Amino acid sequence: SGSRLAHYTNGATLSFTYLDHRTQTYQQETLSQADMLFRVVQHIPEKHFRMIRYFGFLANRVCGKYLPKVYEALKMATPGP
């Protein structure tokens, strides 16, 4: 989003911030306009591509049945609502 844009150099580069989930810190990255556009275009799906958000044990139809079994197999506590 525009609020993450930290610095824009006229016609050359742009800098933005993002949250690095591995270190839980905000990082700043500087890219050329062409590199940034390339990264954005990678997220555009092909024509007639059907987007699927949840599948497998996360699908709405079977989530309540299989998700507790997944937590049990991974020896994790089941999160509350």
PDB file of N, CA and C in Angstrom:
ATOM      1  N   SER A   1       0.833  -1.186   0.000  1.00  0.00           N
ATOM      2  CA  SER A   1       0.000   0.000   0.000  1.00  0.00           C
ATOM      3  C   SER A   1       0.878   1.250   0.000  1.00  0.00           C
ATOM      4  N   GLY A   2       0.274   2.360  -0.246  1.00  0.00           N
ATOM      5  CA  GLY A   2       1.009   3.616  -0.313  1.00  0.00           C
ATOM      6  C   GLY A   2       1.643   4.013   1.001  1.00  0.00           C
ATOM      7  N   SER A   3       1.068   3.574   2.113  1.00  0.00           N
ATOM      8  CA  SER A   3       1.631   3.945   3.415  1.00  0.00           C
ATOM      9  C   SER A   3       2.969   3.247   3.675  1.00  0.00           C
ATOM     10  N   ARG A   4       3.234   2.150   2.992  1.00  0.00           N
ATOM     11  CA  ARG A   4       4.503   1.435   3.178  1.00  0.00           C
ATOM     12  C   ARG A   4       5.622   2.015   2.326  1.00  0.00           C
ATOM     13  N   LEU A   5       5.270   2.874   1.389  1.00  0.00           N
ATOM     14  CA  LEU A   5       6.274   3.495   0.535  1.00  0.00           C
ATOM     15  C   LEU A   5       7.060   4.501   1.356  1.00  0.00           C
ATOM     16  N   ALA A   6       8.334   4.226   1.558  1.00  0.00           N
ATOM     17  CA  ALA A   6       9.161   5.070   2.421  1.00  0.00           C
ATOM     18  C   ALA A   6       9.823   6.198   1.648  1.00  0.00           C
ATOM     19  N   HIS A   7      10.325   5.904   0.447  1.00  0.00           N
ATOM     20  CA  HIS A   7      11.051   6.923  -0.305  1.00  0.00           C
ATOM     21  C   HIS A   7      10.943   6.604  -1.789  1.00  0.00           C
ATOM     22  N   TYR A   8      10.764   7.644  -2.592  1.00  0.00           N
ATOM     23  CA  TYR A   8      10.666   7.491  -4.034  1.00  0.00           C
ATOM     24  C   TYR A   8      11.622   8.463  -4.694  1.00  0.00           C
ATOM     25  N   THR A   9      12.571   7.926  -5.452  1.00  0.00           N
ATOM     26  CA  THR A   9      13.498   8.758  -6.206  1.00  0.00           C
ATOM     27  C   THR A   9      12.946   8.890  -7.616  1.00  0.00           C
ATOM     28  N   ASN A  10      12.814  10.092  -8.103  1.00  0.00           N
ATOM     29  CA  ASN A  10      12.171  10.357  -9.385  1.00  0.00           C
ATOM     30  C   ASN A  10      12.793   9.531 -10.513  1.00  0.00           C
ATOM     31  N   GLY A  11      12.062   8.520 -10.953  1.00  0.00           N
ATOM     32  CA  GLY A  11      12.479   7.740 -12.101  1.00  0.00           C
ATOM     33  C   GLY A  11      13.525   6.676 -11.856  1.00  0.00           C
ATOM     34  N   ALA A  12      14.017   6.512 -10.660  1.00  0.00           N
ATOM     35  CA  ALA A  12      15.099   5.547 -10.455  1.00  0.00           C
ATOM     36  C   ALA A  12      14.695   4.410  -9.520  1.00  0.00           C
ATOM     37  N   THR A  13      14.516   4.696  -8.243  1.00  0.00           N
ATOM     38  CA  THR A  13      14.258   3.640  -7.270  1.00  0.00           C
ATOM     39  C   THR A  13      13.134   4.040  -6.328  1.00  0.00           C
ATOM     40  N   LEU A  14      12.626   3.038  -5.625  1.00  0.00           N
ATOM     41  CA  LEU A  14      11.673   3.296  -4.553  1.00  0.00           C
ATOM     42  C   LEU A  14      11.991   2.380  -3.393  1.00  0.00           C
ATOM     43  N   SER A  15      11.759   2.874  -2.197  1.00  0.00           N
ATOM     44  CA  SER A  15      12.019   2.121  -0.972  1.00  0.00           C
ATOM     45  C   SER A  15      10.705   1.899  -0.250  1.00  0.00           C
ATOM     46  N   PHE A  16      10.558   0.722   0.337  1.00  0.00           N
ATOM     47  CA  PHE A  16       9.348   0.409   1.088  1.00  0.00           C
ATOM     48  C   PHE A  16       9.720  -0.418   2.306  1.00  0.00           C
ATOM     49  N   THR A  17       8.831  -0.429   3.283  1.00  0.00           N
ATOM     50  CA  THR A  17       9.047  -1.208   4.498  1.00  0.00           C
ATOM     51  C   THR A  17       8.095  -2.392   4.520  1.00  0.00           C
ATOM     52  N   TYR A  18       8.534  -3.457   5.167  1.00  0.00           N
ATOM     53  CA  TYR A  18       7.708  -4.643   5.334  1.00  0.00           C
ATOM     54  C   TYR A  18       8.093  -5.322   6.640  1.00  0.00           C
ATOM     55  N   LEU A  19       7.181  -6.139   7.167  1.00  0.00           N
ATOM     56  CA  LEU A  19       7.423  -6.873   8.405  1.00  0.00           C
ATOM     57  C   LEU A  19       8.050  -8.216   8.070  1.00  0.00           C
ATOM     58  N   ASP A  20       9.248  -8.450   8.569  1.00  0.00           N
ATOM     59  CA  ASP A  20       9.917  -9.734   8.403  1.00  0.00           C
ATOM     60  C   ASP A  20       9.391 -10.658   9.499  1.00  0.00           C
ATOM     61  N   HIS A  21       8.612 -11.654   9.117  1.00  0.00           N
ATOM     62  CA  HIS A  21       7.966 -12.522  10.101  1.00  0.00           C
ATOM     63  C   HIS A  21       8.952 -13.447  10.808  1.00  0.00           C
ATOM     64  N   ARG A  22      10.114 -13.662  10.235  1.00  0.00           N
ATOM     65  CA  ARG A  22      11.113 -14.506  10.902  1.00  0.00           C
ATOM     66  C   ARG A  22      11.715 -13.806  12.108  1.00  0.00           C
ATOM     67  N   THR A  23      12.016 -12.510  11.957  1.00  0.00           N
ATOM     68  CA  THR A  23      12.664 -11.765  13.040  1.00  0.00           C
ATOM     69  C   THR A  23      11.708 -10.835  13.777  1.00  0.00           C
ATOM     70  N   GLN A  24      10.466 -10.714  13.288  1.00  0.00           N
ATOM     71  CA  GLN A  24       9.452  -9.829  13.871  1.00  0.00           C
ATOM     72  C   GLN A  24       9.919  -8.375  13.912  1.00  0.00           C
ATOM     73  N   THR A  25      10.689  -7.963  12.917  1.00  0.00           N
ATOM     74  CA  THR A  25      11.144  -6.580  12.814  1.00  0.00           C
ATOM     75  C   THR A  25      10.775  -6.036  11.439  1.00  0.00           C
ATOM     76  N   TYR A  26      10.685  -4.713  11.348  1.00  0.00           N
ATOM     77  CA  TYR A  26      10.407  -4.078  10.064  1.00  0.00           C
ATOM     78  C   TYR A  26      11.710  -3.888   9.303  1.00  0.00           C
ATOM     79  N   GLN A  27      11.690  -4.247   8.033  1.00  0.00           N
ATOM     80  CA  GLN A  27      12.848  -4.127   7.161  1.00  0.00           C
ATOM     81  C   GLN A  27      12.534  -3.127   6.057  1.00  0.00           C
ATOM     82  N   GLN A  28      13.557  -2.512   5.507  1.00  0.00           N
ATOM     83  CA  GLN A  28      13.380  -1.590   4.390  1.00  0.00           C
ATOM     84  C   GLN A  28      14.117  -2.155   3.185  1.00  0.00           C
ATOM     85  N   GLU A  29      13.452  -2.125   2.039  1.00  0.00           N
ATOM     86  CA  GLU A  29      14.046  -2.644   0.815  1.00  0.00           C
ATOM     87  C   GLU A  29      13.943  -1.592  -0.275  1.00  0.00           C
ATOM     88  N   THR A  30      14.980  -1.487  -1.087  1.00  0.00           N
ATOM     89  CA  THR A  30      15.023  -0.530  -2.184  1.00  0.00           C
ATOM     90  C   THR A  30      15.103  -1.296  -3.498  1.00  0.00           C
ATOM     91  N   LEU A  31      14.191  -0.975  -4.420  1.00  0.00           N
ATOM     92  CA  LEU A  31      14.134  -1.638  -5.718  1.00  0.00           C
ATOM     93  C   LEU A  31      14.047  -0.609  -6.827  1.00  0.00           C
ATOM     94  N   SER A  32      14.433  -1.035  -8.024  1.00  0.00           N
ATOM     95  CA  SER A  32      14.202  -0.176  -9.183  1.00  0.00           C
ATOM     96  C   SER A  32      12.718  -0.272  -9.542  1.00  0.00           C
ATOM     97  N   GLN A  33      12.248   0.669 -10.349  1.00  0.00           N
ATOM     98  CA  GLN A  33      10.839   0.651 -10.732  1.00  0.00           C
ATOM     99  C   GLN A  33      10.496  -0.615 -11.506  1.00  0.00           C
ATOM    100  N   ALA A  34      11.399  -1.062 -12.373  1.00  0.00           N
ATOM    101  CA  ALA A  34      11.150  -2.263 -13.169  1.00  0.00           C
ATOM    102  C   ALA A  34      11.057  -3.500 -12.276  1.00  0.00           C
ATOM    103  N   ASP A  35      11.938  -3.616 -11.279  1.00  0.00           N
ATOM    104  CA  ASP A  35      11.898  -4.761 -10.368  1.00  0.00           C
ATOM    105  C   ASP A  35      10.619  -4.767  -9.539  1.00  0.00           C
ATOM    106  N   MET A  36      10.195  -3.601  -9.081  1.00  0.00           N
ATOM    107  CA  MET A  36       8.964  -3.515  -8.296  1.00  0.00           C
ATOM    108  C   MET A  36       7.759  -3.893  -9.145  1.00  0.00           C
ATOM    109  N   LEU A  37       7.707  -3.408 -10.365  1.00  0.00           N
ATOM    110  CA  LEU A  37       6.606  -3.738 -11.263  1.00  0.00           C
ATOM    111  C   LEU A  37       6.596  -5.233 -11.557  1.00  0.00           C
ATOM    112  N   PHE A  38       7.764  -5.828 -11.735  1.00  0.00           N
ATOM    113  CA  PHE A  38       7.855  -7.266 -11.969  1.00  0.00           C
ATOM    114  C   PHE A  38       7.284  -8.046 -10.786  1.00  0.00           C
ATOM    115  N   ARG A  39       7.581  -7.626  -9.570  1.00  0.00           N
ATOM    116  CA  ARG A  39       7.058  -8.311  -8.378  1.00  0.00           C
ATOM    117  C   ARG A  39       5.546  -8.179  -8.267  1.00  0.00           C
ATOM    118  N   VAL A  40       5.022  -7.017  -8.619  1.00  0.00           N
ATOM    119  CA  VAL A  40       3.571  -6.815  -8.551  1.00  0.00           C
ATOM    120  C   VAL A  40       2.868  -7.666  -9.602  1.00  0.00           C
ATOM    121  N   VAL A  41       3.407  -7.703 -10.810  1.00  0.00           N
ATOM    122  CA  VAL A  41       2.784  -8.447 -11.907  1.00  0.00           C
ATOM    123  C   VAL A  41       2.773  -9.946 -11.617  1.00  0.00           C
ATOM    124  N   GLN A  42       3.714 -10.453 -10.850  1.00  0.00           N
ATOM    125  CA  GLN A  42       3.736 -11.874 -10.510  1.00  0.00           C
ATOM    126  C   GLN A  42       2.494 -12.295  -9.724  1.00  0.00           C
ATOM    127  N   HIS A  43       1.819 -11.368  -9.067  1.00  0.00           N
ATOM    128  CA  HIS A  43       0.652 -11.691  -8.255  1.00  0.00           C
ATOM    129  C   HIS A  43      -0.652 -11.630  -9.034  1.00  0.00           C
ATOM    130  N   ILE A  44      -0.606 -11.277 -10.308  1.00  0.00           N
ATOM    131  CA  ILE A  44      -1.815 -11.223 -11.132  1.00  0.00           C
ATOM    132  C   ILE A  44      -2.071 -12.622 -11.677  1.00  0.00           C
ATOM    133  N   PRO A  45      -3.235 -13.223 -11.367  1.00  0.00           N
ATOM    134  CA  PRO A  45      -3.500 -14.577 -11.865  1.00  0.00           C
ATOM    135  C   PRO A  45      -3.778 -14.567 -13.370  1.00  0.00           C
ATOM    136  N   GLU A  46      -3.580 -15.724 -13.994  1.00  0.00           N
ATOM    137  CA  GLU A  46      -3.846 -15.859 -15.415  1.00  0.00           C
ATOM    138  C   GLU A  46      -5.347 -15.765 -15.671  1.00  0.00           C
ATOM    139  N   LYS A  47      -5.700 -15.461 -16.904  1.00  0.00           N
ATOM    140  CA  LYS A  47      -7.104 -15.349 -17.277  1.00  0.00           C
ATOM    141  C   LYS A  47      -7.792 -16.695 -17.053  1.00  0.00           C
ATOM    142  N   HIS A  48      -8.978 -16.668 -16.476  1.00  0.00           N
ATOM    143  CA  HIS A  48      -9.814 -17.837 -16.172  1.00  0.00           C
ATOM    144  C   HIS A  48      -9.220 -18.733 -15.086  1.00  0.00           C
ATOM    145  N   PHE A  49      -8.238 -18.246 -14.336  1.00  0.00           N
ATOM    146  CA  PHE A  49      -7.662 -19.035 -13.248  1.00  0.00           C
ATOM    147  C   PHE A  49      -8.594 -18.970 -12.052  1.00  0.00           C
ATOM    148  N   ARG A  50      -8.932 -20.111 -11.492  1.00  0.00           N
ATOM    149  CA  ARG A  50      -9.844 -20.165 -10.351  1.00  0.00           C
ATOM    150  C   ARG A  50      -9.023 -20.119  -9.067  1.00  0.00           C
ATOM    151  N   MET A  51      -9.231 -19.062  -8.279  1.00  0.00           N
ATOM    152  CA  MET A  51      -8.489 -18.912  -7.034  1.00  0.00           C
ATOM    153  C   MET A  51      -9.101 -19.817  -5.962  1.00  0.00           C
ATOM    154  N   ILE A  52      -8.254 -20.536  -5.252  1.00  0.00           N
ATOM    155  CA  ILE A  52      -8.689 -21.415  -4.169  1.00  0.00           C
ATOM    156  C   ILE A  52      -8.004 -20.942  -2.903  1.00  0.00           C
ATOM    157  N   ARG A  53      -8.795 -20.599  -1.902  1.00  0.00           N
ATOM    158  CA  ARG A  53      -8.209 -20.079  -0.675  1.00  0.00           C
ATOM    159  C   ARG A  53      -7.883 -21.189   0.315  1.00  0.00           C
ATOM    160  N   TYR A  54      -8.830 -22.070   0.574  1.00  0.00           N
ATOM    161  CA  TYR A  54      -8.610 -23.152   1.531  1.00  0.00           C
ATOM    162  C   TYR A  54      -8.901 -24.485   0.862  1.00  0.00           C
ATOM    163  N   PHE A  55      -8.056 -25.488   1.116  1.00  0.00           N
ATOM    164  CA  PHE A  55      -8.268 -26.822   0.582  1.00  0.00           C
ATOM    165  C   PHE A  55      -7.687 -27.819   1.571  1.00  0.00           C
ATOM    166  N   GLY A  56      -7.954 -29.077   1.353  1.00  0.00           N
ATOM    167  CA  GLY A  56      -7.455 -30.106   2.264  1.00  0.00           C
ATOM    168  C   GLY A  56      -8.150 -30.021   3.610  1.00  0.00           C
ATOM    169  N   PHE A  57      -7.392 -30.160   4.683  1.00  0.00           N
ATOM    170  CA  PHE A  57      -8.005 -30.146   6.018  1.00  0.00           C
ATOM    171  C   PHE A  57      -8.447 -28.755   6.447  1.00  0.00           C
ATOM    172  N   LEU A  58      -8.118 -27.702   5.688  1.00  0.00           N
ATOM    173  CA  LEU A  58      -8.586 -26.351   6.005  1.00  0.00           C
ATOM    174  C   LEU A  58      -9.869 -25.981   5.266  1.00  0.00           C
ATOM    175  N   ALA A  59     -10.362 -26.850   4.385  1.00  0.00           N
ATOM    176  CA  ALA A  59     -11.593 -26.573   3.647  1.00  0.00           C
ATOM    177  C   ALA A  59     -12.761 -26.466   4.625  1.00  0.00           C
ATOM    178  N   ASN A  60     -13.682 -25.557   4.350  1.00  0.00           N
ATOM    179  CA  ASN A  60     -14.811 -25.324   5.250  1.00  0.00           C
ATOM    180  C   ASN A  60     -15.611 -26.592   5.527  1.00  0.00           C
ATOM    181  N   ARG A  61     -15.735 -27.443   4.539  1.00  0.00           N
ATOM    182  CA  ARG A  61     -16.571 -28.626   4.679  1.00  0.00           C
ATOM    183  C   ARG A  61     -16.016 -29.621   5.698  1.00  0.00           C
ATOM    184  N   VAL A  62     -14.703 -29.722   5.831  1.00  0.00           N
ATOM    185  CA  VAL A  62     -14.098 -30.740   6.694  1.00  0.00           C
ATOM    186  C   VAL A  62     -13.227 -30.161   7.801  1.00  0.00           C
ATOM    187  N   CYS A  63     -13.164 -28.860   7.906  1.00  0.00           N
ATOM    188  CA  CYS A  63     -12.270 -28.208   8.867  1.00  0.00           C
ATOM    189  C   CYS A  63     -12.571 -28.638  10.307  1.00  0.00           C
ATOM    190  N   GLY A  64     -13.828 -28.640  10.687  1.00  0.00           N
ATOM    191  CA  GLY A  64     -14.195 -29.003  12.053  1.00  0.00           C
ATOM    192  C   GLY A  64     -13.894 -30.447  12.387  1.00  0.00           C
ATOM    193  N   LYS A  65     -13.889 -31.296  11.379  1.00  0.00           N
ATOM    194  CA  LYS A  65     -13.661 -32.721  11.590  1.00  0.00           C
ATOM    195  C   LYS A  65     -12.171 -33.063  11.651  1.00  0.00           C
ATOM    196  N   TYR A  66     -11.380 -32.500  10.740  1.00  0.00           N
ATOM    197  CA  TYR A  66      -9.982 -32.909  10.615  1.00  0.00           C
ATOM    198  C   TYR A  66      -8.976 -32.008  11.316  1.00  0.00           C
ATOM    199  N   LEU A  67      -9.289 -30.749  11.503  1.00  0.00           N
ATOM    200  CA  LEU A  67      -8.313 -29.840  12.095  1.00  0.00           C
ATOM    201  C   LEU A  67      -7.914 -30.244  13.519  1.00  0.00           C
ATOM    202  N   PRO A  68      -8.840 -30.659  14.384  1.00  0.00           N
ATOM    203  CA  PRO A  68      -8.408 -31.140  15.710  1.00  0.00           C
ATOM    204  C   PRO A  68      -7.475 -32.354  15.629  1.00  0.00           C
ATOM    205  N   LYS A  69      -7.684 -33.214  14.631  1.00  0.00           N
ATOM    206  CA  LYS A  69      -6.804 -34.376  14.458  1.00  0.00           C
ATOM    207  C   LYS A  69      -5.407 -33.947  14.016  1.00  0.00           C
ATOM    208  N   VAL A  70      -5.332 -32.901  13.205  1.00  0.00           N
ATOM    209  CA  VAL A  70      -4.035 -32.380  12.771  1.00  0.00           C
ATOM    210  C   VAL A  70      -3.282 -31.811  13.966  1.00  0.00           C
ATOM    211  N   TYR A  71      -3.986 -31.030  14.804  1.00  0.00           N
ATOM    212  CA  TYR A  71      -3.351 -30.484  16.009  1.00  0.00           C
ATOM    213  C   TYR A  71      -2.873 -31.605  16.930  1.00  0.00           C
ATOM    214  N   GLU A  72      -3.679 -32.645  17.056  1.00  0.00           N
ATOM    215  CA  GLU A  72      -3.309 -33.771  17.915  1.00  0.00           C
ATOM    216  C   GLU A  72      -2.070 -34.490  17.366  1.00  0.00           C
ATOM    217  N   ALA A  73      -2.006 -34.686  16.055  1.00  0.00           N
ATOM    218  CA  ALA A  73      -0.861 -35.357  15.440  1.00  0.00           C
ATOM    219  C   ALA A  73       0.417 -34.538  15.589  1.00  0.00           C
ATOM    220  N   LEU A  74       0.279 -33.214  15.592  1.00  0.00           N
ATOM    221  CA  LEU A  74       1.439 -32.335  15.744  1.00  0.00           C
ATOM    222  C   LEU A  74       1.741 -32.013  17.203  1.00  0.00           C
ATOM    223  N   LYS A  75       0.945 -32.585  18.113  1.00  0.00           N
ATOM    224  CA  LYS A  75       1.096 -32.353  19.557  1.00  0.00           C
ATOM    225  C   LYS A  75       1.022 -30.860  19.889  1.00  0.00           C
ATOM    226  N   MET A  76       0.013 -30.205  19.304  1.00  0.00           N
ATOM    227  CA  MET A  76      -0.213 -28.776  19.537  1.00  0.00           C
ATOM    228  C   MET A  76      -1.522 -28.594  20.287  1.00  0.00           C
ATOM    229  N   ALA A  77      -1.607 -27.513  21.042  1.00  0.00           N
ATOM    230  CA  ALA A  77      -2.849 -27.191  21.733  1.00  0.00           C
ATOM    231  C   ALA A  77      -3.842 -26.635  20.717  1.00  0.00           C
ATOM    232  N   THR A  78      -5.084 -27.065  20.810  1.00  0.00           N
ATOM    233  CA  THR A  78      -6.120 -26.563  19.910  1.00  0.00           C
ATOM    234  C   THR A  78      -6.455 -25.134  20.300  1.00  0.00           C
ATOM    235  N   PRO A  79      -6.349 -24.179  19.357  1.00  0.00           N
ATOM    236  CA  PRO A  79      -6.646 -22.783  19.694  1.00  0.00           C
ATOM    237  C   PRO A  79      -8.131 -22.585  19.958  1.00  0.00           C
ATOM    238  N   GLY A  80      -8.438 -21.643  20.813  1.00  0.00           N
ATOM    239  CA  GLY A  80      -9.824 -21.321  21.125  1.00  0.00           C
ATOM    240  C   GLY A  80     -10.456 -20.470  20.038  1.00  0.00           C
ATOM    241  N   PRO A  81     -11.769 -20.226  20.146  1.00  0.00           N
ATOM    242  CA  PRO A  81     -12.466 -19.429  19.119  1.00  0.00           C
ATOM    243  C   PRO A  81     -12.068 -17.980  19.101  1.00  0.00           C
TER     244      PRO A  81
END
